[in-house]
Amino acid sequence: MYKERPLLSNLVNENTTETEKFQNEVLRPIIKMQNDLLIALLKAYLKKRKVDFNVLSEPNKKSIIKSIFQKNMNLKNLLLGIVLGNFSLDEFLFYEKKASEFNKRIIQIIIQRLQSKTSLIKL
């Protein structure tokens, strides 16, 4: 299935650095485009680990999401791959120059997105 990256306006201005520009023009649209897949992967992970997510308080849900990314490198790398797999060659070459920094940004954006979508995560 073909997906098109959403356009996110008003995130880049003349004072925006190259790193921030890449984050806002490439990373955020890809992560938004893959929102349903990210939620599905988190649900599958929670089911596999038998986490009773539905009974947790909102702060606990957010805490669990954050701790998953701190502890589970396989899931973290899978989610990074989902984002990287949507890069063009030029985007990948730019990403490669600061991969470590961009990986941190990607994971942080994904964590924030999933934490803001806890109401959609019903097991």
Protein backbone atom coordinates (compact mmCIF):
# COMPACT_ATOMS: atom_id res chain seq x y z
CA MET A 1 0.00 0.00 0.00
CA TYR A 2 1.37 3.40 -0.98
CA LYS A 3 1.36 6.12 1.63
CA GLU A 4 2.11 9.76 1.06
CA ARG A 5 3.94 11.83 3.63
CA PRO A 6 1.74 14.47 5.18
CA LEU A 7 2.79 18.09 4.83
CA LEU A 8 3.39 19.73 8.21
CA SER A 9 3.31 23.48 7.91
CA ASN A 10 4.83 26.24 10.04
CA LEU A 11 7.66 24.09 11.44
CA VAL A 12 10.50 25.59 9.42
CA ASN A 13 11.51 29.22 9.23
CA GLU A 14 14.61 31.14 8.19
CA ASN A 15 16.35 30.58 11.56
CA THR A 16 15.88 26.81 11.49
CA THR A 17 19.09 24.77 11.51
CA GLU A 18 19.71 22.02 8.94
CA THR A 19 19.18 19.39 11.64
CA GLU A 20 15.86 20.89 12.73
CA LYS A 21 14.82 21.31 9.10
CA PHE A 22 15.49 17.61 8.44
CA GLN A 23 13.61 16.68 11.60
CA ASN A 24 10.58 18.78 10.69
CA GLU A 25 10.49 18.17 6.93
CA VAL A 26 11.46 14.48 6.87
CA LEU A 27 11.31 12.75 10.26
CA ARG A 28 8.05 14.15 11.65
CA PRO A 29 6.05 13.56 8.42
CA ILE A 30 7.32 9.97 8.17
CA ILE A 31 6.46 9.26 11.81
CA LYS A 32 3.02 10.82 11.38
CA MET A 33 2.46 8.80 8.20
CA GLN A 34 3.40 5.59 10.04
CA ASN A 35 1.23 6.39 13.09
CA ASP A 36 -1.13 3.41 12.71
CA LEU A 37 1.77 0.99 12.25
CA LEU A 38 3.58 2.37 15.32
CA ILE A 39 0.45 1.93 17.44
CA ALA A 40 -0.08 -1.61 16.10
CA LEU A 41 3.51 -2.56 16.94
CA LEU A 42 3.16 -1.19 20.47
CA LYS A 43 -0.10 -3.10 20.95
CA ALA A 44 1.53 -6.32 19.74
CA TYR A 45 4.46 -5.77 22.10
CA LEU A 46 2.16 -5.14 25.07
CA LYS A 47 0.07 -8.23 24.28
CA LYS A 48 3.16 -10.41 23.91
CA ARG A 49 4.49 -9.17 27.25
CA LYS A 50 1.02 -9.57 28.83
CA VAL A 51 0.92 -5.95 29.99
CA ASP A 52 -2.61 -5.10 31.16
CA PHE A 53 -2.42 -1.64 29.63
CA ASN A 54 -6.17 -0.95 29.87
CA VAL A 55 -6.23 -0.82 33.68
CA LEU A 56 -3.23 1.49 34.06
CA SER A 57 -3.57 5.17 34.91
CA GLU A 58 -2.61 7.69 32.24
CA PRO A 59 0.73 8.57 33.92
CA ASN A 60 1.57 4.86 34.25
CA LYS A 61 0.75 4.25 30.58
CA LYS A 62 3.14 7.03 29.57
CA SER A 63 5.79 5.71 31.93
CA ILE A 64 5.47 2.17 30.50
CA ILE A 65 5.84 3.47 26.95
CA LYS A 66 8.99 5.38 27.85
CA SER A 67 10.52 2.45 29.74
CA ILE A 68 9.88 0.07 26.83
CA PHE A 69 12.14 2.19 24.65
CA GLN A 70 14.82 2.36 27.33
CA LYS A 71 14.86 -1.42 27.84
CA ASN A 72 13.97 -3.07 24.54
CA MET A 73 16.61 -2.47 21.89
CA ASN A 74 14.95 -4.83 19.40
CA LEU A 75 11.71 -2.85 19.37
CA LYS A 76 13.64 0.42 19.29
CA ASN A 77 15.67 -0.75 16.29
CA LEU A 78 12.55 -2.04 14.53
CA LEU A 79 10.88 1.35 14.88
CA LEU A 80 14.01 3.12 13.67
CA GLY A 81 14.00 0.81 10.65
CA ILE A 82 10.38 1.72 9.89
CA VAL A 83 11.37 5.39 9.71
CA LEU A 84 14.65 4.84 7.85
CA GLY A 85 12.93 2.62 5.31
CA ASN A 86 10.96 5.64 4.14
CA PHE A 87 14.03 7.76 3.35
CA SER A 88 15.10 8.65 -0.14
CA LEU A 89 18.78 8.11 -0.93
CA ASP A 90 19.55 11.81 -0.42
CA GLU A 91 17.72 11.81 2.93
CA PHE A 92 19.65 8.74 4.04
CA LEU A 93 22.98 10.31 3.08
CA PHE A 94 22.12 13.39 5.15
CA TYR A 95 20.88 11.23 8.07
CA GLU A 96 24.06 9.16 7.99
CA LYS A 97 26.21 12.20 8.84
CA LYS A 98 24.49 12.58 12.25
CA ALA A 99 22.84 9.17 12.67
CA SER A 100 23.25 9.02 16.44
CA GLU A 101 21.66 12.43 16.97
CA PHE A 102 18.83 11.68 14.55
CA ASN A 103 18.17 8.29 16.15
CA LYS A 104 17.66 10.02 19.50
CA ARG A 105 15.30 12.52 17.88
CA ILE A 106 13.35 9.78 16.07
CA ILE A 107 12.85 7.75 19.25
CA GLN A 108 11.87 10.83 21.25
CA ILE A 109 9.28 11.85 18.65
CA ILE A 110 7.88 8.30 18.52
CA ILE A 111 7.66 8.15 22.34
CA GLN A 112 5.83 11.48 22.44
CA ARG A 113 3.46 10.39 19.66
CA LEU A 114 2.63 7.08 21.34
CA GLN A 115 2.22 8.74 24.73
CA SER A 116 -0.26 11.18 23.21
CA LYS A 117 -2.23 8.31 21.62
CA THR A 118 -2.74 6.10 24.69
CA SER A 119 -6.52 6.36 24.27
CA LEU A 120 -6.15 4.46 20.98
CA ILE A 121 -4.21 1.63 22.59
CA LYS A 122 -6.90 -0.80 23.71
CA LEU A 123 -5.94 -4.41 24.28
